[in-house]
N, C-alpha and C. Protein backbone atom coordinates (compact mmCIF):
# COMPACT_ATOMS: atom_id res chain seq x y z
N MET A 1 -15.15 3.40 -17.42
CA MET A 1 -14.97 1.97 -17.58
C MET A 1 -14.52 1.35 -16.27
N PHE A 2 -14.89 0.08 -16.07
CA PHE A 2 -14.56 -0.64 -14.85
C PHE A 2 -13.90 -1.98 -15.22
N THR A 3 -13.45 -2.70 -14.20
CA THR A 3 -12.79 -3.98 -14.45
C THR A 3 -13.56 -5.16 -13.86
N GLY A 4 -14.55 -4.88 -13.02
CA GLY A 4 -15.27 -5.97 -12.38
C GLY A 4 -14.56 -6.51 -11.15
N ILE A 5 -13.52 -5.80 -10.69
CA ILE A 5 -12.84 -6.18 -9.45
C ILE A 5 -13.37 -5.28 -8.35
N VAL A 6 -14.26 -5.82 -7.53
CA VAL A 6 -14.95 -5.04 -6.49
C VAL A 6 -13.94 -4.53 -5.46
N GLU A 7 -14.03 -3.24 -5.15
CA GLU A 7 -13.10 -2.64 -4.18
C GLU A 7 -13.58 -2.77 -2.74
N GLU A 8 -14.89 -2.74 -2.57
CA GLU A 8 -15.40 -2.89 -1.21
C GLU A 8 -16.89 -3.19 -1.23
N LEU A 9 -17.36 -3.74 -0.13
CA LEU A 9 -18.79 -3.93 0.09
C LEU A 9 -19.31 -2.69 0.79
N GLY A 10 -20.12 -1.93 0.09
CA GLY A 10 -20.69 -0.73 0.67
C GLY A 10 -22.07 -1.00 1.24
N GLU A 11 -22.71 0.04 1.69
CA GLU A 11 -24.04 -0.07 2.29
C GLU A 11 -24.92 1.08 1.80
N ILE A 12 -26.15 0.77 1.46
CA ILE A 12 -27.11 1.80 1.07
C ILE A 12 -27.50 2.58 2.33
N ALA A 13 -27.17 3.88 2.32
CA ALA A 13 -27.45 4.70 3.50
C ALA A 13 -28.86 5.28 3.47
N ALA A 14 -29.31 5.68 2.28
CA ALA A 14 -30.65 6.28 2.17
C ALA A 14 -31.08 6.25 0.71
N ILE A 15 -32.38 6.22 0.50
CA ILE A 15 -32.96 6.29 -0.84
C ILE A 15 -34.12 7.28 -0.81
N GLU A 16 -34.05 8.27 -1.68
CA GLU A 16 -35.11 9.26 -1.79
C GLU A 16 -35.85 9.06 -3.11
N PRO A 17 -37.09 8.54 -3.06
CA PRO A 17 -37.84 8.35 -4.30
C PRO A 17 -38.19 9.70 -4.93
N LEU A 18 -38.02 9.79 -6.23
CA LEU A 18 -38.41 10.97 -6.98
C LEU A 18 -39.50 10.58 -7.98
N ARG A 19 -40.04 11.53 -8.70
CA ARG A 19 -41.18 11.24 -9.59
C ARG A 19 -40.82 10.18 -10.63
N ASP A 20 -39.69 10.33 -11.28
CA ASP A 20 -39.31 9.38 -12.32
C ASP A 20 -37.86 8.94 -12.14
N ALA A 21 -37.39 8.94 -10.88
CA ALA A 21 -36.01 8.59 -10.58
C ALA A 21 -35.89 8.32 -9.08
N ALA A 22 -34.66 8.19 -8.62
CA ALA A 22 -34.41 8.04 -7.20
C ALA A 22 -33.04 8.65 -6.89
N ARG A 23 -32.91 9.22 -5.73
CA ARG A 23 -31.61 9.73 -5.27
C ARG A 23 -31.11 8.75 -4.21
N MET A 24 -29.95 8.15 -4.49
CA MET A 24 -29.43 7.09 -3.64
C MET A 24 -28.14 7.54 -2.97
N SER A 25 -28.06 7.32 -1.67
CA SER A 25 -26.85 7.62 -0.91
C SER A 25 -26.22 6.31 -0.47
N ILE A 26 -24.92 6.16 -0.76
CA ILE A 26 -24.22 4.89 -0.52
C ILE A 26 -22.98 5.15 0.33
N ARG A 27 -22.81 4.33 1.35
CA ARG A 27 -21.65 4.47 2.23
C ARG A 27 -20.53 3.54 1.76
N GLY A 28 -19.35 4.12 1.57
CA GLY A 28 -18.20 3.32 1.17
C GLY A 28 -16.92 4.07 1.47
N LYS A 29 -16.14 3.59 2.42
CA LYS A 29 -14.93 4.30 2.86
C LYS A 29 -13.87 4.35 1.77
N VAL A 30 -13.72 3.26 1.04
CA VAL A 30 -12.66 3.20 0.03
C VAL A 30 -12.98 4.07 -1.18
N VAL A 31 -14.19 3.92 -1.73
CA VAL A 31 -14.51 4.61 -2.98
C VAL A 31 -14.71 6.11 -2.79
N THR A 32 -14.98 6.55 -1.56
CA THR A 32 -15.16 7.99 -1.33
C THR A 32 -13.85 8.67 -0.95
N ALA A 33 -12.78 7.91 -0.79
CA ALA A 33 -11.51 8.48 -0.33
C ALA A 33 -11.02 9.59 -1.27
N ASP A 34 -11.25 9.41 -2.58
CA ASP A 34 -10.81 10.43 -3.53
C ASP A 34 -11.93 10.81 -4.50
N ALA A 35 -13.18 10.55 -4.11
CA ALA A 35 -14.31 10.81 -5.00
C ALA A 35 -14.70 12.29 -5.00
N GLY A 36 -15.15 12.74 -6.15
CA GLY A 36 -15.62 14.11 -6.26
C GLY A 36 -16.81 14.19 -7.19
N HIS A 37 -17.42 15.34 -7.26
CA HIS A 37 -18.58 15.56 -8.11
C HIS A 37 -18.25 15.18 -9.56
N GLY A 38 -19.12 14.36 -10.17
CA GLY A 38 -18.94 13.96 -11.56
C GLY A 38 -18.18 12.67 -11.75
N ASP A 39 -17.59 12.12 -10.69
CA ASP A 39 -16.88 10.84 -10.81
C ASP A 39 -17.87 9.69 -11.03
N SER A 40 -17.35 8.60 -11.58
CA SER A 40 -18.18 7.41 -11.81
C SER A 40 -17.82 6.32 -10.80
N ILE A 41 -18.86 5.76 -10.20
CA ILE A 41 -18.70 4.62 -9.28
C ILE A 41 -19.74 3.58 -9.65
N ALA A 42 -19.30 2.34 -9.80
CA ALA A 42 -20.22 1.24 -10.10
C ALA A 42 -20.83 0.72 -8.81
N VAL A 43 -22.17 0.63 -8.80
CA VAL A 43 -22.91 0.10 -7.65
C VAL A 43 -23.64 -1.15 -8.13
N ASN A 44 -23.20 -2.30 -7.67
CA ASN A 44 -23.72 -3.58 -8.16
C ASN A 44 -23.68 -3.65 -9.69
N GLY A 45 -22.60 -3.11 -10.23
CA GLY A 45 -22.39 -3.19 -11.67
C GLY A 45 -23.03 -2.09 -12.49
N VAL A 46 -23.70 -1.15 -11.84
CA VAL A 46 -24.35 -0.04 -12.54
C VAL A 46 -23.52 1.22 -12.36
N CYS A 47 -23.11 1.82 -13.47
CA CYS A 47 -22.32 3.04 -13.41
C CYS A 47 -23.19 4.21 -12.98
N LEU A 48 -22.85 4.81 -11.84
CA LEU A 48 -23.57 5.98 -11.34
C LEU A 48 -22.62 7.16 -11.24
N THR A 49 -23.16 8.35 -11.41
CA THR A 49 -22.37 9.57 -11.35
C THR A 49 -22.53 10.22 -9.98
N VAL A 50 -21.41 10.51 -9.35
CA VAL A 50 -21.42 11.13 -8.03
C VAL A 50 -21.89 12.58 -8.15
N VAL A 51 -22.90 12.93 -7.35
CA VAL A 51 -23.36 14.32 -7.34
C VAL A 51 -22.98 15.02 -6.04
N GLU A 52 -22.65 14.24 -5.02
CA GLU A 52 -22.27 14.84 -3.74
C GLU A 52 -21.51 13.81 -2.92
N VAL A 53 -20.53 14.29 -2.15
CA VAL A 53 -19.79 13.43 -1.23
C VAL A 53 -19.83 14.07 0.15
N ASP A 54 -20.22 13.30 1.15
CA ASP A 54 -20.28 13.78 2.52
C ASP A 54 -19.61 12.72 3.40
N GLY A 55 -18.34 12.95 3.71
CA GLY A 55 -17.60 11.96 4.49
C GLY A 55 -17.44 10.67 3.71
N GLU A 56 -17.96 9.58 4.26
CA GLU A 56 -17.85 8.27 3.61
C GLU A 56 -19.09 7.92 2.82
N VAL A 57 -19.96 8.90 2.58
CA VAL A 57 -21.20 8.66 1.84
C VAL A 57 -21.21 9.49 0.56
N PHE A 58 -21.52 8.85 -0.55
CA PHE A 58 -21.70 9.59 -1.79
C PHE A 58 -23.14 9.43 -2.25
N THR A 59 -23.62 10.43 -2.98
CA THR A 59 -25.00 10.45 -3.45
C THR A 59 -25.01 10.46 -4.97
N ALA A 60 -25.94 9.70 -5.55
CA ALA A 60 -26.08 9.63 -7.01
C ALA A 60 -27.55 9.60 -7.37
N ASP A 61 -27.87 10.19 -8.52
CA ASP A 61 -29.23 10.14 -9.04
C ASP A 61 -29.37 8.94 -9.97
N VAL A 62 -30.42 8.16 -9.78
CA VAL A 62 -30.66 6.96 -10.59
C VAL A 62 -31.93 7.19 -11.40
N MET A 63 -31.79 7.28 -12.73
CA MET A 63 -32.94 7.59 -13.57
C MET A 63 -33.83 6.35 -13.76
N LYS A 64 -35.04 6.58 -14.25
CA LYS A 64 -36.03 5.52 -14.40
C LYS A 64 -35.53 4.40 -15.31
N GLU A 65 -34.83 4.75 -16.39
CA GLU A 65 -34.29 3.73 -17.29
C GLU A 65 -33.40 2.75 -16.55
N THR A 66 -32.57 3.27 -15.66
CA THR A 66 -31.67 2.42 -14.87
C THR A 66 -32.45 1.57 -13.89
N LEU A 67 -33.44 2.15 -13.25
CA LEU A 67 -34.26 1.39 -12.30
C LEU A 67 -35.02 0.27 -13.01
N ASP A 68 -35.48 0.54 -14.24
CA ASP A 68 -36.23 -0.46 -14.99
C ASP A 68 -35.36 -1.60 -15.50
N ARG A 69 -34.11 -1.30 -15.83
CA ARG A 69 -33.24 -2.29 -16.47
C ARG A 69 -32.32 -3.03 -15.50
N SER A 70 -32.30 -2.59 -14.26
CA SER A 70 -31.39 -3.20 -13.29
C SER A 70 -32.14 -3.58 -12.02
N CYS A 71 -31.38 -4.10 -11.07
CA CYS A 71 -31.96 -4.50 -9.77
C CYS A 71 -31.78 -3.42 -8.71
N LEU A 72 -31.32 -2.24 -9.09
CA LEU A 72 -31.10 -1.21 -8.08
C LEU A 72 -32.38 -0.81 -7.37
N GLY A 73 -33.50 -0.92 -8.07
CA GLY A 73 -34.77 -0.57 -7.45
C GLY A 73 -35.16 -1.48 -6.29
N ALA A 74 -34.52 -2.65 -6.20
CA ALA A 74 -34.83 -3.59 -5.12
C ALA A 74 -34.01 -3.31 -3.86
N LEU A 75 -33.03 -2.42 -3.96
CA LEU A 75 -32.20 -2.11 -2.79
C LEU A 75 -32.97 -1.27 -1.79
N ARG A 76 -32.62 -1.44 -0.53
CA ARG A 76 -33.23 -0.70 0.56
C ARG A 76 -32.14 -0.18 1.49
N PRO A 77 -32.41 0.83 2.32
CA PRO A 77 -31.40 1.25 3.29
C PRO A 77 -30.93 0.06 4.12
N GLY A 78 -29.62 -0.09 4.21
CA GLY A 78 -29.03 -1.23 4.91
C GLY A 78 -28.57 -2.33 3.98
N SER A 79 -29.05 -2.34 2.73
CA SER A 79 -28.62 -3.34 1.76
C SER A 79 -27.13 -3.17 1.49
N ARG A 80 -26.44 -4.29 1.26
CA ARG A 80 -25.04 -4.23 0.88
C ARG A 80 -24.94 -4.11 -0.64
N ALA A 81 -23.85 -3.51 -1.11
CA ALA A 81 -23.67 -3.29 -2.55
C ALA A 81 -22.19 -3.38 -2.91
N ASN A 82 -21.91 -3.98 -4.07
CA ASN A 82 -20.56 -4.04 -4.59
C ASN A 82 -20.18 -2.67 -5.16
N LEU A 83 -19.04 -2.14 -4.75
CA LEU A 83 -18.61 -0.81 -5.19
C LEU A 83 -17.26 -0.88 -5.89
N GLU A 84 -17.14 -0.14 -6.98
CA GLU A 84 -15.87 -0.04 -7.70
C GLU A 84 -15.76 1.33 -8.36
N ARG A 85 -14.64 1.98 -8.16
CA ARG A 85 -14.37 3.24 -8.85
C ARG A 85 -13.98 2.96 -10.30
N ALA A 86 -14.20 3.95 -11.17
CA ALA A 86 -13.79 3.81 -12.57
C ALA A 86 -12.28 3.58 -12.62
N VAL A 87 -11.86 2.74 -13.56
CA VAL A 87 -10.44 2.39 -13.68
C VAL A 87 -9.66 3.55 -14.28
N ARG A 88 -8.44 3.76 -13.78
CA ARG A 88 -7.55 4.77 -14.35
C ARG A 88 -6.74 4.16 -15.49
N ALA A 89 -6.24 5.00 -16.37
CA ALA A 89 -5.49 4.52 -17.53
C ALA A 89 -4.20 3.82 -17.15
N ASP A 90 -3.66 4.11 -15.95
CA ASP A 90 -2.39 3.51 -15.54
C ASP A 90 -2.56 2.29 -14.65
N GLN A 91 -3.81 1.78 -14.52
CA GLN A 91 -4.07 0.63 -13.68
C GLN A 91 -4.08 -0.66 -14.49
N ARG A 92 -3.81 -1.78 -13.81
CA ARG A 92 -3.95 -3.08 -14.44
C ARG A 92 -5.43 -3.40 -14.65
N LEU A 93 -5.72 -4.06 -15.77
CA LEU A 93 -7.09 -4.50 -16.04
C LEU A 93 -7.25 -5.89 -15.45
N GLY A 94 -7.55 -5.93 -14.15
CA GLY A 94 -7.55 -7.20 -13.44
C GLY A 94 -8.67 -8.15 -13.80
N GLY A 95 -9.81 -7.61 -14.23
CA GLY A 95 -10.94 -8.47 -14.59
C GLY A 95 -11.13 -8.48 -16.09
N HIS A 96 -12.19 -7.82 -16.58
CA HIS A 96 -12.38 -7.63 -18.01
C HIS A 96 -13.05 -6.26 -18.22
N ILE A 97 -13.22 -5.85 -19.45
CA ILE A 97 -13.82 -4.55 -19.73
C ILE A 97 -15.30 -4.56 -19.33
N VAL A 98 -15.63 -3.77 -18.32
CA VAL A 98 -17.00 -3.65 -17.82
C VAL A 98 -17.42 -2.19 -17.97
N GLN A 99 -18.51 -1.95 -18.66
CA GLN A 99 -18.95 -0.58 -18.89
C GLN A 99 -19.81 -0.01 -17.77
N GLY A 100 -20.44 -0.89 -17.01
CA GLY A 100 -21.39 -0.40 -16.02
C GLY A 100 -22.75 -0.14 -16.62
N HIS A 101 -22.99 -0.68 -17.84
CA HIS A 101 -24.27 -0.56 -18.53
C HIS A 101 -24.94 -1.94 -18.51
N VAL A 102 -25.86 -2.12 -17.60
CA VAL A 102 -26.49 -3.43 -17.40
C VAL A 102 -27.31 -3.83 -18.63
N ASP A 103 -27.10 -5.06 -19.09
CA ASP A 103 -27.83 -5.57 -20.25
C ASP A 103 -29.16 -6.22 -19.87
N GLY A 104 -29.26 -6.67 -18.65
CA GLY A 104 -30.48 -7.34 -18.21
C GLY A 104 -30.28 -7.88 -16.80
N THR A 105 -31.28 -8.56 -16.31
CA THR A 105 -31.19 -9.13 -14.97
C THR A 105 -31.42 -10.64 -15.04
N GLY A 106 -30.86 -11.32 -14.06
CA GLY A 106 -31.06 -12.75 -13.92
C GLY A 106 -31.44 -13.07 -12.49
N VAL A 107 -31.59 -14.34 -12.20
CA VAL A 107 -31.95 -14.80 -10.86
C VAL A 107 -30.99 -15.91 -10.46
N LEU A 108 -30.53 -15.89 -9.23
CA LEU A 108 -29.70 -16.99 -8.74
C LEU A 108 -30.57 -18.23 -8.64
N LEU A 109 -30.15 -19.30 -9.31
CA LEU A 109 -30.94 -20.52 -9.35
C LEU A 109 -30.50 -21.55 -8.32
N SER A 110 -29.18 -21.71 -8.15
CA SER A 110 -28.71 -22.74 -7.22
C SER A 110 -27.28 -22.47 -6.81
N ARG A 111 -26.90 -23.06 -5.67
CA ARG A 111 -25.54 -22.99 -5.15
C ARG A 111 -25.09 -24.40 -4.83
N GLU A 112 -23.88 -24.76 -5.25
CA GLU A 112 -23.32 -26.08 -4.96
C GLU A 112 -21.96 -25.90 -4.29
N PRO A 113 -21.91 -25.94 -2.96
CA PRO A 113 -20.64 -25.74 -2.25
C PRO A 113 -19.69 -26.91 -2.48
N ASP A 114 -18.41 -26.59 -2.56
CA ASP A 114 -17.35 -27.59 -2.63
C ASP A 114 -16.32 -27.22 -1.58
N GLU A 115 -15.24 -27.96 -1.52
CA GLU A 115 -14.27 -27.73 -0.46
C GLU A 115 -13.58 -26.37 -0.61
N HIS A 116 -13.24 -26.00 -1.85
CA HIS A 116 -12.47 -24.78 -2.04
C HIS A 116 -13.17 -23.74 -2.91
N TRP A 117 -14.35 -24.01 -3.39
CA TRP A 117 -15.08 -23.05 -4.20
C TRP A 117 -16.56 -23.40 -4.17
N GLU A 118 -17.34 -22.62 -4.86
CA GLU A 118 -18.78 -22.86 -4.91
C GLU A 118 -19.27 -22.61 -6.34
N VAL A 119 -19.99 -23.57 -6.89
CA VAL A 119 -20.55 -23.40 -8.22
C VAL A 119 -21.93 -22.77 -8.07
N VAL A 120 -22.12 -21.62 -8.70
CA VAL A 120 -23.38 -20.89 -8.59
C VAL A 120 -23.98 -20.75 -9.98
N ARG A 121 -25.26 -21.02 -10.09
CA ARG A 121 -25.94 -20.98 -11.38
C ARG A 121 -26.97 -19.85 -11.40
N PHE A 122 -27.02 -19.12 -12.52
CA PHE A 122 -27.93 -18.01 -12.69
C PHE A 122 -28.78 -18.19 -13.95
N SER A 123 -29.99 -17.65 -13.93
CA SER A 123 -30.79 -17.62 -15.15
C SER A 123 -30.23 -16.54 -16.06
N LEU A 124 -30.60 -16.63 -17.34
CA LEU A 124 -30.06 -15.72 -18.34
C LEU A 124 -31.16 -15.38 -19.33
N PRO A 125 -31.47 -14.10 -19.53
CA PRO A 125 -32.48 -13.73 -20.52
C PRO A 125 -32.12 -14.31 -21.88
N ALA A 126 -33.11 -14.81 -22.60
CA ALA A 126 -32.87 -15.48 -23.88
C ALA A 126 -32.10 -14.60 -24.86
N GLU A 127 -32.38 -13.29 -24.86
CA GLU A 127 -31.73 -12.40 -25.83
C GLU A 127 -30.25 -12.18 -25.54
N LEU A 128 -29.79 -12.58 -24.35
CA LEU A 128 -28.37 -12.42 -24.01
C LEU A 128 -27.59 -13.72 -24.16
N ASN A 129 -28.29 -14.81 -24.36
CA ASN A 129 -27.63 -16.12 -24.37
C ASN A 129 -26.51 -16.20 -25.40
N ARG A 130 -26.69 -15.60 -26.57
CA ARG A 130 -25.71 -15.73 -27.64
C ARG A 130 -24.39 -15.04 -27.33
N TYR A 131 -24.37 -14.16 -26.33
CA TYR A 131 -23.15 -13.45 -25.98
C TYR A 131 -22.34 -14.16 -24.88
N VAL A 132 -22.90 -15.20 -24.31
CA VAL A 132 -22.26 -15.87 -23.17
C VAL A 132 -21.70 -17.21 -23.62
N VAL A 133 -20.40 -17.40 -23.43
CA VAL A 133 -19.73 -18.63 -23.86
C VAL A 133 -18.91 -19.20 -22.71
N GLU A 134 -18.73 -20.50 -22.75
CA GLU A 134 -17.90 -21.16 -21.74
C GLU A 134 -16.49 -20.60 -21.78
N LYS A 135 -15.94 -20.29 -20.62
CA LYS A 135 -14.63 -19.67 -20.42
C LYS A 135 -14.61 -18.19 -20.82
N GLY A 136 -15.76 -17.65 -21.20
CA GLY A 136 -15.86 -16.22 -21.47
C GLY A 136 -16.12 -15.46 -20.19
N SER A 137 -16.20 -14.13 -20.31
CA SER A 137 -16.41 -13.28 -19.14
C SER A 137 -17.83 -12.73 -19.09
N ILE A 138 -18.31 -12.54 -17.88
CA ILE A 138 -19.60 -11.90 -17.64
C ILE A 138 -19.52 -11.17 -16.31
N ALA A 139 -20.20 -10.04 -16.20
CA ALA A 139 -20.26 -9.31 -14.93
C ALA A 139 -21.60 -9.59 -14.26
N VAL A 140 -21.55 -10.07 -13.03
CA VAL A 140 -22.74 -10.36 -12.24
C VAL A 140 -22.72 -9.43 -11.03
N ASP A 141 -23.68 -8.52 -10.95
CA ASP A 141 -23.69 -7.49 -9.91
C ASP A 141 -22.34 -6.77 -9.86
N GLY A 142 -21.75 -6.57 -11.05
CA GLY A 142 -20.50 -5.83 -11.14
C GLY A 142 -19.25 -6.64 -10.88
N VAL A 143 -19.38 -7.94 -10.64
CA VAL A 143 -18.23 -8.80 -10.36
C VAL A 143 -17.82 -9.50 -11.65
N SER A 144 -16.57 -9.34 -12.05
CA SER A 144 -16.06 -10.01 -13.24
C SER A 144 -15.88 -11.50 -12.95
N LEU A 145 -16.59 -12.34 -13.73
CA LEU A 145 -16.56 -13.78 -13.50
C LEU A 145 -16.31 -14.53 -14.80
N THR A 146 -15.76 -15.72 -14.68
CA THR A 146 -15.54 -16.60 -15.83
C THR A 146 -16.65 -17.63 -15.88
N VAL A 147 -17.27 -17.77 -17.02
CA VAL A 147 -18.36 -18.73 -17.21
C VAL A 147 -17.78 -20.14 -17.29
N VAL A 148 -18.30 -21.05 -16.48
CA VAL A 148 -17.83 -22.43 -16.52
C VAL A 148 -18.82 -23.36 -17.23
N GLY A 149 -20.01 -22.86 -17.50
CA GLY A 149 -21.00 -23.66 -18.22
C GLY A 149 -22.17 -22.78 -18.62
N VAL A 150 -22.76 -23.06 -19.78
CA VAL A 150 -23.89 -22.28 -20.27
C VAL A 150 -24.79 -23.18 -21.10
N ASP A 151 -26.11 -22.99 -20.96
CA ASP A 151 -27.07 -23.70 -21.79
C ASP A 151 -28.21 -22.74 -22.15
N GLY A 152 -29.30 -23.26 -22.62
CA GLY A 152 -30.38 -22.41 -23.09
C GLY A 152 -31.10 -21.62 -22.03
N SER A 153 -30.92 -21.98 -20.77
CA SER A 153 -31.68 -21.30 -19.72
C SER A 153 -30.83 -20.52 -18.73
N GLY A 154 -29.52 -20.74 -18.75
CA GLY A 154 -28.70 -20.04 -17.77
C GLY A 154 -27.23 -20.36 -17.91
N PHE A 155 -26.47 -19.92 -16.93
CA PHE A 155 -25.02 -20.15 -16.94
C PHE A 155 -24.53 -20.39 -15.52
N ALA A 156 -23.34 -20.95 -15.41
CA ALA A 156 -22.76 -21.25 -14.11
C ALA A 156 -21.38 -20.62 -14.00
N VAL A 157 -21.02 -20.23 -12.78
CA VAL A 157 -19.70 -19.70 -12.49
C VAL A 157 -19.17 -20.39 -11.24
N SER A 158 -17.85 -20.42 -11.08
CA SER A 158 -17.23 -20.95 -9.87
C SER A 158 -16.71 -19.78 -9.06
N LEU A 159 -17.12 -19.69 -7.81
CA LEU A 159 -16.73 -18.58 -6.95
C LEU A 159 -15.70 -19.03 -5.92
N ILE A 160 -14.57 -18.35 -5.89
CA ILE A 160 -13.53 -18.66 -4.91
C ILE A 160 -13.87 -18.01 -3.58
N PRO A 161 -13.23 -18.45 -2.48
CA PRO A 161 -13.55 -17.87 -1.16
C PRO A 161 -13.45 -16.35 -1.10
N THR A 162 -12.45 -15.76 -1.79
CA THR A 162 -12.30 -14.31 -1.77
C THR A 162 -13.54 -13.62 -2.32
N THR A 163 -14.06 -14.12 -3.45
CA THR A 163 -15.27 -13.54 -4.05
C THR A 163 -16.47 -13.71 -3.13
N LEU A 164 -16.57 -14.87 -2.49
CA LEU A 164 -17.68 -15.13 -1.58
C LEU A 164 -17.64 -14.20 -0.37
N GLN A 165 -16.44 -13.88 0.10
CA GLN A 165 -16.29 -13.06 1.30
C GLN A 165 -16.39 -11.57 1.03
N LEU A 166 -15.90 -11.13 -0.12
CA LEU A 166 -15.74 -9.70 -0.36
C LEU A 166 -16.77 -9.08 -1.30
N THR A 167 -17.76 -9.86 -1.75
CA THR A 167 -18.82 -9.33 -2.61
C THR A 167 -20.18 -9.78 -2.10
N THR A 168 -21.22 -9.22 -2.68
CA THR A 168 -22.58 -9.60 -2.28
C THR A 168 -22.93 -11.01 -2.71
N LEU A 169 -22.15 -11.60 -3.63
CA LEU A 169 -22.49 -12.93 -4.14
C LEU A 169 -22.39 -14.01 -3.07
N GLY A 170 -21.62 -13.75 -2.03
CA GLY A 170 -21.51 -14.74 -0.96
C GLY A 170 -22.79 -14.92 -0.16
N ALA A 171 -23.62 -13.88 -0.12
CA ALA A 171 -24.86 -13.93 0.68
C ALA A 171 -26.11 -14.12 -0.16
N LYS A 172 -25.97 -14.08 -1.48
CA LYS A 172 -27.15 -14.25 -2.34
C LYS A 172 -27.74 -15.65 -2.18
N GLN A 173 -29.06 -15.72 -2.25
CA GLN A 173 -29.77 -16.99 -2.11
C GLN A 173 -30.61 -17.27 -3.36
N PRO A 174 -30.97 -18.53 -3.60
CA PRO A 174 -31.83 -18.84 -4.75
C PRO A 174 -33.07 -17.95 -4.76
N GLY A 175 -33.34 -17.36 -5.92
CA GLY A 175 -34.46 -16.45 -6.07
C GLY A 175 -34.06 -14.99 -6.05
N ASP A 176 -32.84 -14.70 -5.57
CA ASP A 176 -32.39 -13.31 -5.53
C ASP A 176 -32.02 -12.83 -6.93
N PRO A 177 -32.38 -11.59 -7.28
CA PRO A 177 -32.06 -11.04 -8.61
C PRO A 177 -30.63 -10.51 -8.66
N VAL A 178 -30.06 -10.49 -9.86
CA VAL A 178 -28.72 -9.94 -10.06
C VAL A 178 -28.69 -9.15 -11.36
N ASN A 179 -27.78 -8.18 -11.43
CA ASN A 179 -27.55 -7.44 -12.66
C ASN A 179 -26.55 -8.19 -13.53
N LEU A 180 -26.80 -8.21 -14.83
CA LEU A 180 -25.92 -8.90 -15.77
C LEU A 180 -25.42 -7.94 -16.84
N GLU A 181 -24.13 -7.99 -17.10
CA GLU A 181 -23.56 -7.27 -18.25
C GLU A 181 -22.68 -8.25 -19.03
N VAL A 182 -23.04 -8.49 -20.28
CA VAL A 182 -22.27 -9.43 -21.09
C VAL A 182 -21.05 -8.71 -21.68
N ASP A 183 -20.18 -9.48 -22.30
CA ASP A 183 -18.94 -8.95 -22.87
C ASP A 183 -19.26 -7.99 -24.02
N VAL A 184 -18.87 -6.73 -23.85
CA VAL A 184 -19.18 -5.72 -24.86
C VAL A 184 -18.50 -6.02 -26.19
N ILE A 185 -17.35 -6.69 -26.15
CA ILE A 185 -16.65 -7.02 -27.39
C ILE A 185 -17.49 -7.95 -28.26
N ALA A 186 -18.18 -8.90 -27.63
CA ALA A 186 -19.04 -9.82 -28.38
C ALA A 186 -20.15 -9.07 -29.09
N LYS A 187 -20.71 -8.05 -28.45
CA LYS A 187 -21.80 -7.28 -29.07
C LYS A 187 -21.29 -6.47 -30.26
N HIS A 188 -20.10 -5.90 -30.13
CA HIS A 188 -19.55 -5.13 -31.25
C HIS A 188 -19.21 -6.03 -32.43
N VAL A 189 -18.63 -7.19 -32.14
CA VAL A 189 -18.29 -8.13 -33.22
C VAL A 189 -19.54 -8.56 -33.96
N GLU A 190 -20.61 -8.85 -33.23
CA GLU A 190 -21.86 -9.27 -33.85
C GLU A 190 -22.38 -8.19 -34.79
N LYS A 191 -22.34 -6.94 -34.36
CA LYS A 191 -22.87 -5.87 -35.20
C LYS A 191 -22.01 -5.66 -36.45
N LEU A 192 -20.70 -5.73 -36.29
CA LEU A 192 -19.81 -5.55 -37.42
C LEU A 192 -19.96 -6.68 -38.44
N VAL A 193 -20.06 -7.91 -37.95
CA VAL A 193 -20.23 -9.06 -38.85
C VAL A 193 -21.55 -8.94 -39.60
N GLY A 194 -22.59 -8.53 -38.89
CA GLY A 194 -23.90 -8.37 -39.53
C GLY A 194 -23.89 -7.28 -40.58
N ALA A 195 -23.14 -6.21 -40.32
CA ALA A 195 -23.08 -5.09 -41.27
C ALA A 195 -22.44 -5.49 -42.59
N TYR A 196 -21.55 -6.49 -42.55
CA TYR A 196 -20.88 -6.95 -43.77
C TYR A 196 -21.56 -8.16 -44.39
N GLY A 197 -22.76 -8.48 -43.87
CA GLY A 197 -23.54 -9.56 -44.45
C GLY A 197 -22.94 -10.93 -44.25
N LEU A 198 -22.21 -11.10 -43.12
CA LEU A 198 -21.55 -12.37 -42.86
C LEU A 198 -22.31 -13.20 -41.84
N GLY A 199 -23.55 -12.80 -41.57
CA GLY A 199 -24.35 -13.52 -40.59
C GLY A 199 -24.48 -12.72 -39.32
N GLY A 200 -25.16 -13.26 -38.33
CA GLY A 200 -25.36 -12.54 -37.08
C GLY A 200 -26.47 -11.53 -37.22
N ARG A 201 -26.59 -10.69 -36.19
CA ARG A 201 -27.65 -9.68 -36.16
C ARG A 201 -27.03 -8.32 -36.04
N SER A 202 -27.61 -7.36 -36.71
CA SER A 202 -27.07 -5.99 -36.65
C SER A 202 -27.87 -5.17 -35.65
């Protein structure tokens, strides 16, 4: 489990295409400091399992399902990536519960700079719209964000200078894809309510 509080901006060191997967090597000084085989590290919001650590570079295998459902397939050597280690039981939950299981992808639609923040709007797949509410949480490329507005085609968030400086969201431009993970609690509530015949979908 993760919190959506990015620990560092890493860099894709190498990508080895495989028949139905890819082996990705990512450079990150902070996340590799105590990483070992089998640990979980979120890369742009996607939970990957460490298979090897070499200095400040860790390697993970990315299966076809992950490549199909996320934007990891668009990364290239030199691309920047948001990195976060799995949260420990004794840590503060600074963001919200993030599983690292991407629900879908969106596209950055617009940026509106202001004096102290920037309002950024993203598209939202229709099947995810019901899980996104104003003042609710959503993970965008692994960054825990608060929704400030939502309609039938997308949602908006306000990004503070720290988020703009320390994550990939500061450099994203209109048309760029992003990974989206909606609030897992909303999905569980929907299934439970549906199971008791109180409406919703199961």
